[in-house]
């Protein structure tokens, strides 16, 4: 017994020394101090870290996506007012304003209690803990998953499905999930899956693999699709950003020619490419940027 007591005492002393080496528990988040937060994790532990310099984009900066903007804006307005609203999946071409739209809505309604928490895909396993911690807060939270997609059997896939719709517990009314993706069904689709399709008379019955992939995306109540910009739309966005950067003569032939060459070199006429061109043009011509 004496030897057992000695071993237990030494083990307890060792545990106390290890505990002193561990970082302290992070403080509880003060949602009045910041509008945007990121979930950080280390092993099984996770905490919310404030974003010190959130993106300042405005709804007025989003050009040539009026329909998409109006749909998500209306849903967000309902949510902020405490009315029924849906989780949102924004899909489509890269650089067309999907994530910028979410950030712009945060800036529009930050004064009415809207807050945003950004999650990486590998942190989706923490979703139930995050949601439970937000239920009693007097704010409205958008959980934001940017550029989301899954490979087969990834653990976060089923966790997200359960939180969206499928768990025995309901998601708090002050929490919504907004996700962006280049894939409409969030998972890769393979040619061989078409072979699973069955035909019963005139009816088409997709195979189980396809049904499983659709089952995640259909849990989002609102789907919003974004499409590549044509040349005129791209040039409209270029001119908008040049005006914001206080560049004179935004309608000149030289601006048009170089903007089109810039897009051609990058193989895309997207809003992101237009923004990059505008910053390059303003910098090369010595214009001091009014906004960053």
Protein backbone atom coordinates (compact mmCIF):
# COMPACT_ATOMS: atom_id res chain seq x y z
CA UNK A 1 0.00 0.00 0.00
CA UNK A 2 2.84 2.36 0.82
CA UNK A 3 4.36 1.79 -2.62
CA UNK A 4 0.99 2.39 -4.34
CA UNK A 5 0.48 5.62 -2.39
CA UNK A 6 3.97 6.79 -3.40
CA UNK A 7 3.28 6.05 -7.06
CA UNK A 8 -0.04 7.95 -6.95
CA UNK A 9 1.56 10.95 -5.27
CA UNK A 10 4.34 11.08 -7.85
CA UNK A 11 1.81 10.76 -10.68
CA UNK A 12 -0.26 13.60 -9.24
CA UNK A 13 2.81 15.79 -8.93
CA UNK A 14 3.71 15.04 -12.55
CA UNK A 15 0.19 15.94 -13.73
CA UNK A 16 0.36 19.24 -11.85
CA UNK A 17 3.65 20.09 -13.55
CA UNK A 18 2.18 19.25 -16.98
CA UNK A 19 -0.91 21.37 -16.30
CA UNK A 20 1.28 24.38 -15.54
CA UNK A 21 2.90 24.00 -18.97
CA UNK A 22 -0.43 23.96 -20.81
CA UNK A 23 -1.77 27.26 -22.19
CA UNK A 24 -4.60 28.79 -20.15
CA UNK A 25 -8.18 28.51 -21.31
CA UNK A 26 -9.02 31.31 -23.77
CA UNK A 27 -11.31 34.03 -22.43
CA UNK A 28 -15.00 33.97 -23.31
CA UNK A 29 -15.60 35.92 -26.54
CA UNK A 30 -16.93 39.47 -26.21
CA UNK A 31 -19.18 39.75 -29.25
CA UNK A 32 -19.64 43.48 -28.64
CA UNK A 33 -15.91 44.01 -29.26
CA UNK A 34 -15.70 42.48 -32.77
CA UNK A 35 -18.11 41.69 -35.59
CA UNK A 36 -16.15 38.83 -37.18
CA UNK A 37 -14.50 35.83 -35.54
CA UNK A 38 -12.53 32.76 -36.57
CA UNK A 39 -12.70 29.36 -34.93
CA UNK A 40 -9.23 28.17 -34.02
CA UNK A 41 -8.49 24.64 -32.85
CA UNK A 42 -5.58 22.76 -31.37
CA UNK A 43 -6.22 19.08 -30.95
CA UNK A 44 -9.56 18.65 -29.22
CA UNK A 45 -9.63 22.24 -27.96
CA UNK A 46 -11.10 25.15 -29.85
CA UNK A 47 -11.77 28.82 -29.28
CA UNK A 48 -13.05 31.93 -31.05
CA UNK A 49 -10.49 34.50 -32.15
CA UNK A 50 -11.62 38.02 -33.10
CA UNK A 51 -10.81 39.33 -36.58
CA UNK A 52 -9.07 42.63 -35.97
CA UNK A 53 -9.39 44.01 -39.51
CA UNK A 54 -12.54 42.66 -41.22
CA UNK A 55 -13.01 43.27 -44.92
CA UNK A 56 -14.78 46.60 -45.50
CA UNK A 57 -16.60 45.73 -48.73
CA UNK A 58 -20.11 47.16 -49.19
CA UNK A 59 -23.18 45.86 -50.95
CA UNK A 60 -22.85 48.78 -53.37
CA UNK A 61 -19.46 47.41 -54.47
CA UNK A 62 -21.00 44.21 -55.82
CA UNK A 63 -21.68 44.79 -59.48
CA UNK A 64 -23.71 42.72 -61.98
CA UNK A 65 -24.97 40.17 -59.45
CA UNK A 66 -28.21 41.99 -58.61
CA UNK A 67 -30.43 38.91 -58.49
CA UNK A 68 -28.07 36.92 -56.28
CA UNK A 69 -27.47 39.91 -54.03
CA UNK A 70 -31.18 40.55 -53.58
CA UNK A 71 -31.95 36.92 -52.70
CA UNK A 72 -29.28 36.61 -50.02
CA UNK A 73 -29.92 40.15 -48.76
CA UNK A 74 -33.61 39.42 -48.21
CA UNK A 75 -32.83 36.18 -46.38
CA UNK A 76 -30.30 37.94 -44.16
CA UNK A 77 -32.69 40.81 -43.44
CA UNK A 78 -35.33 38.31 -42.30
CA UNK A 79 -32.76 36.65 -40.06
CA UNK A 80 -31.61 39.92 -38.48
CA UNK A 81 -35.23 40.88 -37.77
CA UNK A 82 -35.88 37.57 -36.01
CA UNK A 83 -38.06 36.23 -38.81
CA UNK A 84 -37.77 32.74 -40.34
CA UNK A 85 -34.78 32.44 -42.69
CA UNK A 86 -32.82 29.70 -44.42
CA UNK A 87 -29.29 28.36 -44.44
CA UNK A 88 -27.68 29.46 -47.70
CA UNK A 89 -25.46 27.70 -50.24
CA UNK A 90 -23.78 29.99 -52.77
CA UNK A 91 -22.26 28.09 -55.68
CA UNK A 92 -20.75 28.82 -59.06
CA UNK A 93 -17.84 30.38 -60.86
CA UNK A 94 -14.81 31.52 -58.90
CA UNK A 95 -14.28 35.22 -58.26
CA UNK A 96 -17.90 36.20 -58.89
CA UNK A 97 -18.64 37.65 -55.45
CA UNK A 98 -19.93 34.74 -53.37
CA UNK A 99 -17.83 35.33 -50.25
CA UNK A 100 -17.77 39.11 -50.82
CA UNK A 101 -21.57 39.14 -50.64
CA UNK A 102 -21.53 37.50 -47.21
CA UNK A 103 -18.93 39.98 -45.93
CA UNK A 104 -20.88 42.93 -47.34
CA UNK A 105 -24.04 41.79 -45.55
CA UNK A 106 -22.10 41.57 -42.30
CA UNK A 107 -20.99 45.17 -42.75
CA UNK A 108 -24.54 46.28 -43.58
CA UNK A 109 -26.12 44.72 -40.46
CA UNK A 110 -23.30 44.78 -37.93
CA UNK A 111 -25.08 47.58 -36.08
CA UNK A 112 -28.21 45.42 -35.74
CA UNK A 113 -26.47 42.60 -33.92
CA UNK A 114 -25.23 40.48 -36.84
CA UNK A 115 -21.98 38.60 -36.23
CA UNK A 116 -19.97 36.23 -38.43
CA UNK A 117 -17.89 33.21 -37.42
CA UNK A 118 -15.63 31.74 -40.08
CA UNK A 119 -14.92 28.02 -40.01
CA UNK A 120 -12.44 25.93 -41.95
CA UNK A 121 -13.59 22.60 -43.29
CA UNK A 122 -11.49 20.62 -40.83
CA UNK A 123 -13.16 22.47 -37.93
CA UNK A 124 -16.66 21.33 -38.80
CA UNK A 125 -16.30 18.56 -36.24
CA UNK A 126 -16.61 21.32 -33.62
CA UNK A 127 -19.91 22.60 -35.02
CA UNK A 128 -22.16 21.18 -32.27
CA UNK A 129 -20.02 22.77 -29.54
CA UNK A 130 -19.91 26.11 -31.37
CA UNK A 131 -23.66 26.17 -31.93
CA UNK A 132 -24.41 25.28 -28.30
CA UNK A 133 -22.18 28.13 -27.13
CA UNK A 134 -24.06 30.70 -29.22
CA UNK A 135 -27.62 29.82 -28.30
CA UNK A 136 -27.84 32.11 -25.25
CA UNK A 137 -26.14 35.11 -26.89
CA UNK A 138 -28.22 38.22 -27.76
CA UNK A 139 -26.70 38.36 -31.28
CA UNK A 140 -27.51 36.79 -34.65
CA UNK A 141 -24.71 34.57 -35.98
CA UNK A 142 -23.78 33.50 -39.49
CA UNK A 143 -21.45 30.50 -39.44
CA UNK A 144 -19.47 31.00 -42.64
CA UNK A 145 -17.75 28.15 -44.51
CA UNK A 146 -15.88 29.52 -47.51
CA UNK A 147 -14.87 27.43 -50.54
CA UNK A 148 -16.43 24.31 -49.05
CA UNK A 149 -16.14 20.88 -50.65
CA UNK A 150 -15.70 17.35 -49.41
CA UNK A 151 -14.04 14.17 -50.49
CA UNK A 152 -15.75 10.88 -49.78
CA UNK A 153 -15.95 9.84 -46.10
CA UNK A 154 -14.57 13.10 -44.69
CA UNK A 155 -15.72 13.41 -41.04
CA UNK A 156 -16.99 17.00 -41.28
CA UNK A 157 -19.47 15.99 -43.98
CA UNK A 158 -21.81 14.09 -41.67
CA UNK A 159 -21.42 16.64 -38.87
CA UNK A 160 -22.57 19.42 -41.20
CA UNK A 161 -25.51 17.33 -42.37
CA UNK A 162 -26.62 16.76 -38.78
CA UNK A 163 -26.37 20.42 -37.81
CA UNK A 164 -28.21 21.60 -40.93
CA UNK A 165 -31.07 19.17 -40.53
CA UNK A 166 -30.97 15.69 -39.16
CA UNK A 167 -29.90 15.87 -35.54
CA UNK A 168 -32.25 15.18 -32.64
CA UNK A 169 -31.52 18.70 -31.36
CA UNK A 170 -32.70 21.80 -33.25
CA UNK A 171 -30.29 24.53 -34.33
CA UNK A 172 -30.78 27.73 -32.28
CA UNK A 173 -32.91 30.36 -33.99
CA UNK A 174 -30.06 32.89 -33.78
CA UNK A 175 -27.67 30.77 -35.91
CA UNK A 176 -27.56 30.23 -39.69
CA UNK A 177 -24.95 28.58 -41.91
CA UNK A 178 -23.79 30.29 -45.10
CA UNK A 179 -21.42 28.30 -47.33
CA UNK A 180 -19.75 29.00 -50.66
CA UNK A 181 -18.53 26.34 -53.06
CA UNK A 182 -17.54 25.79 -56.66
CA UNK A 183 -19.47 22.50 -56.50
CA UNK A 184 -23.23 22.59 -56.31
CA UNK A 185 -23.42 19.34 -54.36
CA UNK A 186 -20.20 20.01 -52.39
CA UNK A 187 -18.66 16.68 -53.40
CA UNK A 188 -16.88 15.35 -56.51
CA UNK A 189 -19.06 13.61 -59.06
CA UNK A 190 -17.80 10.67 -61.10
CA UNK A 191 -18.87 9.22 -64.44
CA UNK A 192 -19.26 5.73 -62.96
CA UNK A 193 -22.02 7.00 -60.66
CA UNK A 194 -24.24 7.47 -63.72
CA UNK A 195 -24.16 3.70 -64.16
CA UNK A 196 -26.09 3.35 -60.89
CA UNK A 197 -29.10 5.17 -62.36
CA UNK A 198 -32.20 3.01 -62.75
CA UNK A 199 -35.07 3.57 -65.16
CA UNK A 200 -38.57 2.52 -64.10
CA UNK A 201 -40.87 3.21 -67.02
CA UNK A 202 -40.45 6.92 -67.79
CA UNK A 203 -39.03 7.67 -64.33
CA UNK A 204 -35.33 8.17 -63.61
CA UNK A 205 -34.04 6.98 -60.22
CA UNK A 206 -30.50 8.17 -59.37
CA UNK A 207 -28.19 5.70 -57.67
CA UNK A 208 -27.38 5.73 -53.95
CA UNK A 209 -24.05 7.53 -54.46
CA UNK A 210 -25.75 10.45 -56.20
CA UNK A 211 -28.59 10.56 -53.68
CA UNK A 212 -26.09 10.71 -50.81
CA UNK A 213 -24.29 13.68 -52.35
CA UNK A 214 -27.51 15.54 -53.05
CA UNK A 215 -28.71 14.92 -49.50
CA UNK A 216 -26.18 17.41 -48.10
CA UNK A 217 -26.75 20.31 -50.47
CA UNK A 218 -30.54 20.00 -50.28
CA UNK A 219 -30.37 20.68 -46.53
CA UNK A 220 -29.60 24.30 -47.41
CA UNK A 221 -32.94 26.04 -47.77
CA UNK A 222 -31.67 28.64 -50.25
CA UNK A 223 -29.46 27.86 -53.25
CA UNK A 224 -27.96 30.80 -55.11
CA UNK A 225 -25.95 30.26 -58.30
CA UNK A 226 -23.29 32.63 -59.65
CA UNK A 227 -22.18 32.71 -63.29
CA UNK A 228 -19.10 33.93 -65.17
CA UNK A 229 -19.18 37.55 -66.29
CA UNK A 230 -19.25 38.51 -69.94
CA UNK A 231 -16.88 41.14 -71.30
CA UNK A 232 -19.17 44.12 -70.73
CA UNK A 233 -19.93 43.07 -67.16
CA UNK A 234 -16.24 42.59 -66.45
CA UNK A 235 -15.45 46.09 -67.76
CA UNK A 236 -18.28 47.54 -65.64
CA UNK A 237 -16.63 46.06 -62.54
CA UNK A 238 -13.22 47.36 -63.59
CA UNK A 239 -14.60 50.88 -63.96
CA UNK A 240 -16.36 50.65 -60.59
CA UNK A 241 -13.17 49.75 -58.75
CA UNK A 242 -11.14 52.36 -60.60
CA UNK A 243 -13.65 55.00 -59.48
CA UNK A 244 -13.39 53.73 -55.91
CA UNK A 245 -9.61 54.10 -56.16
CA UNK A 246 -10.13 57.65 -57.48
CA UNK A 247 -8.59 56.96 -60.87
CA UNK A 248 -9.43 59.62 -63.49
CA UNK A 249 -10.58 58.80 -67.03
CA UNK A 250 -11.86 55.28 -66.29
CA UNK A 251 -13.54 55.11 -69.72
CA UNK A 252 -10.38 55.57 -71.76
CA UNK A 253 -9.37 53.19 -74.53
CA UNK A 254 -6.08 52.39 -72.81
CA UNK A 255 -7.86 51.27 -69.63
CA UNK A 256 -10.21 49.07 -71.66
CA UNK A 257 -7.41 47.50 -73.69
CA UNK A 258 -5.20 46.72 -70.69
CA UNK A 259 -8.11 45.45 -68.61
CA UNK A 260 -9.01 42.96 -71.34
CA UNK A 261 -5.40 41.87 -71.71
CA UNK A 262 -5.17 41.39 -67.94
CA UNK A 263 -8.23 39.12 -67.99
CA UNK A 264 -6.92 37.19 -70.99
CA UNK A 265 -3.62 36.48 -69.25
CA UNK A 266 -5.48 35.08 -66.24
CA UNK A 267 -8.04 33.13 -68.20
CA UNK A 268 -10.94 34.67 -66.30
CA UNK A 269 -13.24 37.71 -66.43
CA UNK A 270 -14.17 37.68 -62.75
CA UNK A 271 -14.78 40.36 -60.17
CA UNK A 272 -11.61 39.32 -58.40
CA UNK A 273 -9.56 39.74 -61.57
CA UNK A 274 -11.16 43.17 -62.12
CA UNK A 275 -10.21 44.23 -58.57
CA UNK A 276 -6.63 43.06 -59.05
CA UNK A 277 -6.36 44.96 -62.33
CA UNK A 278 -7.75 48.14 -60.78
CA UNK A 279 -5.20 48.03 -57.96
CA UNK A 280 -2.38 47.41 -60.42
CA UNK A 281 -3.49 50.25 -62.70
CA UNK A 282 -3.89 52.70 -59.82
CA UNK A 283 -0.49 51.78 -58.42
CA UNK A 284 1.33 52.02 -61.74
CA UNK A 285 -0.19 55.44 -62.41
CA UNK A 286 0.61 56.81 -58.99
CA UNK A 287 -2.94 57.05 -57.69
CA UNK A 288 -3.17 56.86 -53.92
CA UNK A 289 -5.76 54.20 -53.08
CA UNK A 290 -8.70 55.57 -51.14
CA UNK A 291 -9.65 52.08 -49.99
CA UNK A 292 -7.78 48.83 -49.50
